[in-house]
N, C-alpha and C. Protein backbone atom coordinates (compact mmCIF):
# COMPACT_ATOMS: atom_id res chain seq x y z
N UNK A 1 50.78 188.85 71.06
CA UNK A 1 51.10 187.58 71.66
C UNK A 1 49.81 186.75 71.72
N UNK A 2 49.86 185.50 71.31
CA UNK A 2 48.65 184.67 71.35
C UNK A 2 48.27 184.34 72.78
N UNK A 3 46.98 184.04 73.00
CA UNK A 3 46.49 183.68 74.32
C UNK A 3 46.93 182.28 74.70
N UNK A 4 46.68 181.90 75.93
CA UNK A 4 47.05 180.56 76.38
C UNK A 4 45.86 179.61 76.32
N UNK A 5 44.67 180.13 75.95
CA UNK A 5 43.49 179.27 75.84
C UNK A 5 42.76 179.51 74.54
N UNK A 6 41.98 178.53 74.19
CA UNK A 6 40.98 178.65 73.13
C UNK A 6 39.67 178.25 73.79
N UNK A 7 38.66 179.11 73.69
CA UNK A 7 37.40 178.86 74.38
C UNK A 7 36.24 178.98 73.40
N UNK A 8 35.25 178.09 73.59
CA UNK A 8 34.05 178.16 72.77
C UNK A 8 32.88 177.59 73.55
N UNK A 9 31.67 178.01 73.15
CA UNK A 9 30.48 177.55 73.86
C UNK A 9 29.41 177.16 72.87
N UNK A 10 28.59 176.21 73.31
CA UNK A 10 27.45 175.74 72.54
C UNK A 10 26.23 175.83 73.44
N UNK A 11 25.26 176.65 73.05
CA UNK A 11 24.02 176.76 73.82
C UNK A 11 23.03 175.71 73.35
N UNK A 12 22.45 174.98 74.29
CA UNK A 12 21.39 174.06 73.92
C UNK A 12 20.03 174.61 74.35
N UNK A 13 20.03 175.61 75.25
CA UNK A 13 18.82 176.33 75.65
C UNK A 13 19.27 177.54 76.47
N UNK A 14 18.31 178.31 76.96
CA UNK A 14 18.64 179.49 77.77
C UNK A 14 19.30 179.13 79.10
N UNK A 15 19.05 177.91 79.58
CA UNK A 15 19.60 177.52 80.89
C UNK A 15 20.62 176.39 80.79
N UNK A 16 20.99 176.00 79.59
CA UNK A 16 21.99 174.95 79.40
C UNK A 16 23.10 175.47 78.50
N UNK A 17 24.32 175.14 78.87
CA UNK A 17 25.48 175.60 78.11
C UNK A 17 26.56 174.53 78.15
N UNK A 18 27.18 174.30 77.02
CA UNK A 18 28.36 173.44 76.94
C UNK A 18 29.53 174.39 76.70
N UNK A 19 30.37 174.60 77.73
CA UNK A 19 31.50 175.53 77.64
C UNK A 19 32.78 174.74 77.56
N UNK A 20 33.60 175.04 76.57
CA UNK A 20 34.84 174.30 76.35
C UNK A 20 36.03 175.25 76.46
N UNK A 21 37.07 174.78 77.10
CA UNK A 21 38.30 175.54 77.19
C UNK A 21 39.47 174.60 76.90
N UNK A 22 40.30 175.01 75.97
CA UNK A 22 41.53 174.27 75.65
C UNK A 22 42.69 175.13 76.12
N UNK A 23 43.52 174.55 76.96
CA UNK A 23 44.69 175.26 77.49
C UNK A 23 45.90 174.76 76.73
N UNK A 24 46.52 175.65 75.98
CA UNK A 24 47.68 175.28 75.18
C UNK A 24 48.85 174.88 76.08
N UNK A 25 49.58 173.86 75.65
CA UNK A 25 50.76 173.35 76.37
C UNK A 25 50.43 173.01 77.83
N UNK A 26 49.27 172.39 78.02
CA UNK A 26 48.82 172.08 79.38
C UNK A 26 49.79 171.14 80.10
N UNK A 27 50.29 170.13 79.41
CA UNK A 27 51.24 169.21 80.03
C UNK A 27 52.47 169.93 80.55
N UNK A 28 52.97 170.88 79.80
CA UNK A 28 54.12 171.68 80.23
C UNK A 28 53.76 172.51 81.47
N UNK A 29 52.57 173.09 81.49
CA UNK A 29 52.14 173.89 82.63
C UNK A 29 51.99 173.02 83.88
N UNK A 30 51.51 171.79 83.72
CA UNK A 30 51.39 170.87 84.86
C UNK A 30 52.75 170.65 85.51
N UNK A 31 53.79 170.54 84.71
CA UNK A 31 55.12 170.22 85.23
C UNK A 31 55.88 171.44 85.74
N UNK A 32 55.63 172.63 85.17
CA UNK A 32 56.48 173.77 85.46
C UNK A 32 55.83 174.88 86.27
N UNK A 33 54.51 174.96 86.27
CA UNK A 33 53.86 176.04 87.02
C UNK A 33 53.87 175.74 88.50
N UNK A 34 54.03 176.77 89.31
CA UNK A 34 53.98 176.60 90.76
C UNK A 34 52.55 176.34 91.18
N UNK A 35 52.36 175.68 92.29
CA UNK A 35 51.02 175.49 92.86
C UNK A 35 50.42 176.87 93.14
N UNK A 36 49.15 177.03 92.84
CA UNK A 36 48.47 178.31 93.05
C UNK A 36 48.35 179.18 91.82
N UNK A 37 49.13 178.86 90.79
CA UNK A 37 49.03 179.64 89.55
C UNK A 37 47.89 179.07 88.72
N UNK A 38 47.00 179.94 88.24
CA UNK A 38 45.79 179.47 87.59
C UNK A 38 45.57 180.05 86.21
N UNK A 39 44.72 179.37 85.49
CA UNK A 39 44.21 179.84 84.20
C UNK A 39 42.75 180.19 84.43
N UNK A 40 42.36 181.42 84.09
CA UNK A 40 40.96 181.84 84.18
C UNK A 40 40.31 181.72 82.82
N UNK A 41 39.08 181.25 82.80
CA UNK A 41 38.32 181.31 81.55
C UNK A 41 37.79 182.73 81.39
N UNK A 42 37.32 183.01 80.22
CA UNK A 42 36.55 184.23 80.02
C UNK A 42 35.23 184.08 80.77
N UNK A 43 34.64 185.18 81.22
CA UNK A 43 33.31 185.07 81.84
C UNK A 43 32.30 184.55 80.81
N UNK A 44 31.34 183.75 81.28
CA UNK A 44 30.29 183.27 80.39
C UNK A 44 28.95 183.31 81.10
N UNK A 45 27.88 183.40 80.33
CA UNK A 45 26.53 183.54 80.86
C UNK A 45 25.72 182.27 80.66
N UNK A 46 24.93 181.95 81.67
CA UNK A 46 23.90 180.93 81.58
C UNK A 46 22.64 181.61 82.09
N UNK A 47 21.68 181.82 81.23
CA UNK A 47 20.52 182.62 81.60
C UNK A 47 20.98 184.02 81.97
N UNK A 48 20.57 184.49 83.13
CA UNK A 48 20.95 185.83 83.60
C UNK A 48 22.20 185.80 84.49
N UNK A 49 22.77 184.63 84.68
CA UNK A 49 23.89 184.47 85.62
C UNK A 49 25.22 184.38 84.89
N UNK A 50 26.26 184.92 85.53
CA UNK A 50 27.60 184.93 84.94
C UNK A 50 28.54 184.08 85.79
N UNK A 51 29.36 183.30 85.08
CA UNK A 51 30.30 182.39 85.72
C UNK A 51 31.66 182.50 85.04
N UNK A 52 32.66 181.88 85.67
CA UNK A 52 33.96 181.67 85.04
C UNK A 52 34.57 180.41 85.65
N UNK A 53 35.59 179.90 85.00
CA UNK A 53 36.31 178.72 85.49
C UNK A 53 37.70 179.14 85.93
N UNK A 54 38.20 178.50 86.96
CA UNK A 54 39.59 178.64 87.38
C UNK A 54 40.20 177.25 87.36
N UNK A 55 41.26 177.09 86.59
CA UNK A 55 41.94 175.80 86.46
C UNK A 55 43.39 175.99 86.88
N UNK A 56 43.81 175.15 87.81
CA UNK A 56 45.18 175.20 88.34
C UNK A 56 45.90 173.96 87.83
N UNK A 57 46.79 174.10 86.85
CA UNK A 57 47.46 172.92 86.29
C UNK A 57 48.29 172.13 87.29
N UNK A 58 48.79 172.79 88.35
CA UNK A 58 49.60 172.09 89.34
C UNK A 58 49.05 172.30 90.76
N UNK A 59 47.73 172.31 90.89
CA UNK A 59 47.09 172.43 92.20
C UNK A 59 46.88 173.87 92.62
N UNK A 60 45.84 174.06 93.43
CA UNK A 60 45.51 175.41 93.89
C UNK A 60 46.34 175.86 95.08
N UNK A 61 47.05 174.94 95.74
CA UNK A 61 47.92 175.28 96.87
C UNK A 61 49.00 174.20 97.00
N UNK A 62 49.97 174.42 97.87
CA UNK A 62 51.08 173.47 98.03
C UNK A 62 50.59 172.06 98.35
N UNK A 63 49.56 171.96 99.19
CA UNK A 63 49.06 170.65 99.60
C UNK A 63 48.48 169.86 98.42
N UNK A 64 48.06 170.56 97.38
CA UNK A 64 47.44 169.91 96.23
C UNK A 64 48.35 169.86 95.00
N UNK A 65 49.62 170.18 95.20
CA UNK A 65 50.60 170.10 94.11
C UNK A 65 50.59 168.69 93.54
N UNK A 66 50.74 168.57 92.22
CA UNK A 66 50.71 167.27 91.57
C UNK A 66 49.31 166.85 91.14
N UNK A 67 48.34 167.74 91.35
CA UNK A 67 46.96 167.52 90.95
C UNK A 67 46.49 168.69 90.09
N UNK A 68 45.47 168.45 89.30
CA UNK A 68 44.78 169.52 88.60
C UNK A 68 43.61 169.94 89.49
N UNK A 69 43.48 171.23 89.76
CA UNK A 69 42.36 171.76 90.54
C UNK A 69 41.44 172.52 89.59
N UNK A 70 40.12 172.34 89.77
CA UNK A 70 39.13 172.97 88.89
C UNK A 70 38.02 173.57 89.76
N UNK A 71 37.66 174.84 89.49
CA UNK A 71 36.61 175.52 90.24
C UNK A 71 35.70 176.31 89.33
N UNK A 72 34.41 176.31 89.65
CA UNK A 72 33.42 177.14 88.99
C UNK A 72 33.16 178.34 89.88
N UNK A 73 33.29 179.54 89.33
CA UNK A 73 33.09 180.78 90.09
C UNK A 73 31.75 181.40 89.75
N UNK A 74 30.97 181.69 90.78
CA UNK A 74 29.73 182.44 90.66
C UNK A 74 30.10 183.92 90.72
N UNK A 75 29.98 184.62 89.61
CA UNK A 75 30.40 186.02 89.53
C UNK A 75 29.25 186.99 89.86
N UNK A 76 28.14 186.45 90.33
CA UNK A 76 26.94 187.25 90.56
C UNK A 76 26.86 187.77 91.99
N UNK A 77 25.94 188.70 92.21
CA UNK A 77 25.70 189.24 93.54
C UNK A 77 24.65 188.43 94.29
N UNK A 78 24.32 187.25 93.78
CA UNK A 78 23.33 186.38 94.42
C UNK A 78 23.84 184.95 94.44
N UNK A 79 23.33 184.20 95.43
CA UNK A 79 23.63 182.77 95.49
C UNK A 79 22.90 182.07 94.35
N UNK A 80 23.44 180.96 93.91
CA UNK A 80 22.82 180.24 92.80
C UNK A 80 23.02 178.75 92.96
N UNK A 81 22.02 178.00 92.59
CA UNK A 81 22.10 176.53 92.59
C UNK A 81 22.49 176.10 91.19
N UNK A 82 23.52 175.27 91.10
CA UNK A 82 24.00 174.81 89.78
C UNK A 82 23.98 173.29 89.71
N UNK A 83 23.75 172.83 88.50
CA UNK A 83 23.91 171.41 88.16
C UNK A 83 24.79 171.41 86.93
N UNK A 84 26.01 170.88 87.06
CA UNK A 84 26.94 170.93 85.93
C UNK A 84 27.84 169.70 85.95
N UNK A 85 28.52 169.52 84.84
CA UNK A 85 29.46 168.41 84.69
C UNK A 85 30.76 168.96 84.13
N UNK A 86 31.88 168.56 84.74
CA UNK A 86 33.21 168.94 84.30
C UNK A 86 33.89 167.72 83.71
N UNK A 87 34.57 167.91 82.59
CA UNK A 87 35.31 166.81 81.97
C UNK A 87 36.69 167.28 81.59
N UNK A 88 37.68 166.47 81.93
CA UNK A 88 39.06 166.67 81.49
C UNK A 88 39.51 165.32 80.97
N UNK A 89 39.79 165.26 79.68
CA UNK A 89 40.14 163.98 79.08
C UNK A 89 38.98 163.01 79.24
N UNK A 90 39.25 161.86 79.85
CA UNK A 90 38.21 160.86 80.04
C UNK A 90 37.55 160.93 81.42
N UNK A 91 38.01 161.86 82.27
CA UNK A 91 37.45 161.98 83.61
C UNK A 91 36.32 163.00 83.63
N UNK A 92 35.20 162.63 84.26
CA UNK A 92 34.06 163.53 84.40
C UNK A 92 33.56 163.52 85.84
N UNK A 93 33.18 164.68 86.32
CA UNK A 93 32.59 164.82 87.64
C UNK A 93 31.38 165.73 87.54
N UNK A 94 30.34 165.40 88.30
CA UNK A 94 29.12 166.21 88.33
C UNK A 94 29.09 167.03 89.60
N UNK A 95 28.53 168.22 89.48
CA UNK A 95 28.41 169.14 90.61
C UNK A 95 26.95 169.57 90.72
N UNK A 96 26.36 169.34 91.89
CA UNK A 96 25.01 169.80 92.21
C UNK A 96 25.14 170.55 93.53
N UNK A 97 25.31 171.84 93.46
CA UNK A 97 25.60 172.62 94.66
C UNK A 97 24.99 174.01 94.57
N UNK A 98 24.84 174.61 95.73
CA UNK A 98 24.56 176.04 95.78
C UNK A 98 25.89 176.74 95.96
N UNK A 99 26.14 177.74 95.16
CA UNK A 99 27.38 178.51 95.24
C UNK A 99 27.02 179.93 95.67
N UNK A 100 27.64 180.38 96.74
CA UNK A 100 27.38 181.73 97.24
C UNK A 100 27.82 182.80 96.27
N UNK A 101 27.29 183.99 96.44
CA UNK A 101 27.66 185.10 95.56
C UNK A 101 29.16 185.36 95.65
N UNK A 102 29.75 185.60 94.49
CA UNK A 102 31.19 185.89 94.40
C UNK A 102 32.06 184.79 95.00
N UNK A 103 31.56 183.55 95.01
CA UNK A 103 32.29 182.41 95.57
C UNK A 103 32.53 181.36 94.50
N UNK A 104 33.35 180.37 94.84
CA UNK A 104 33.68 179.28 93.93
C UNK A 104 33.41 177.94 94.59
N UNK A 105 33.19 176.95 93.75
CA UNK A 105 33.07 175.58 94.25
C UNK A 105 33.68 174.65 93.21
N UNK A 106 34.35 173.61 93.66
CA UNK A 106 34.95 172.68 92.71
C UNK A 106 35.77 171.63 93.40
N UNK A 107 36.82 171.21 92.72
CA UNK A 107 37.64 170.10 93.17
C UNK A 107 39.10 170.51 93.27
N UNK A 108 39.64 170.59 94.51
CA UNK A 108 41.06 170.89 94.68
C UNK A 108 41.95 169.77 94.11
N UNK A 109 41.44 168.54 94.12
CA UNK A 109 42.19 167.40 93.57
C UNK A 109 41.33 166.72 92.51
N UNK A 110 41.05 167.47 91.44
CA UNK A 110 40.21 166.95 90.36
C UNK A 110 40.80 165.65 89.79
N UNK A 111 42.07 165.70 89.46
CA UNK A 111 42.79 164.47 89.05
C UNK A 111 44.27 164.70 89.26
N UNK A 112 44.98 163.61 89.53
CA UNK A 112 46.42 163.75 89.75
C UNK A 112 47.15 163.68 88.41
N UNK A 113 48.40 164.05 88.44
CA UNK A 113 49.20 164.11 87.21
C UNK A 113 49.55 162.75 86.65
N UNK A 114 49.41 161.70 87.44
CA UNK A 114 49.73 160.36 86.96
C UNK A 114 48.58 159.86 86.19
C-alpha cells in the first residue's frame, strides 16, 4: 500500500534544512478526517538534533476543527532553541522558540479551511 506522504529534504548546511512534506489527497483529509487525527512526518535531523512534524488536516482538537494545525516536535532528551519557517501554500509563519525535550510547539490554527 502506498504511503500518504512524499517527503524530501535539502541541506544547505549542517544547521540549516529545508524539509518538504506533501500529503496526498490533503483536501479530502481536511473534509473527512476527525479533529485530532494527524499525519506524522518521518524523523529528520538538523545537526545533532532530531525533529518531526505533526500536521492535523482538520485541527488538533474539537475546538480547532475547520483549521489546519501544524507542530514541530523536539524528539531529543534536551531543550533546544529553534528558528524555522513553515509554509503551506502561500501562507508562511516563522517560529523562534525554545522547545522542551520531547515537546512540541506550533500553531493549533495555522490556517482555516476557507
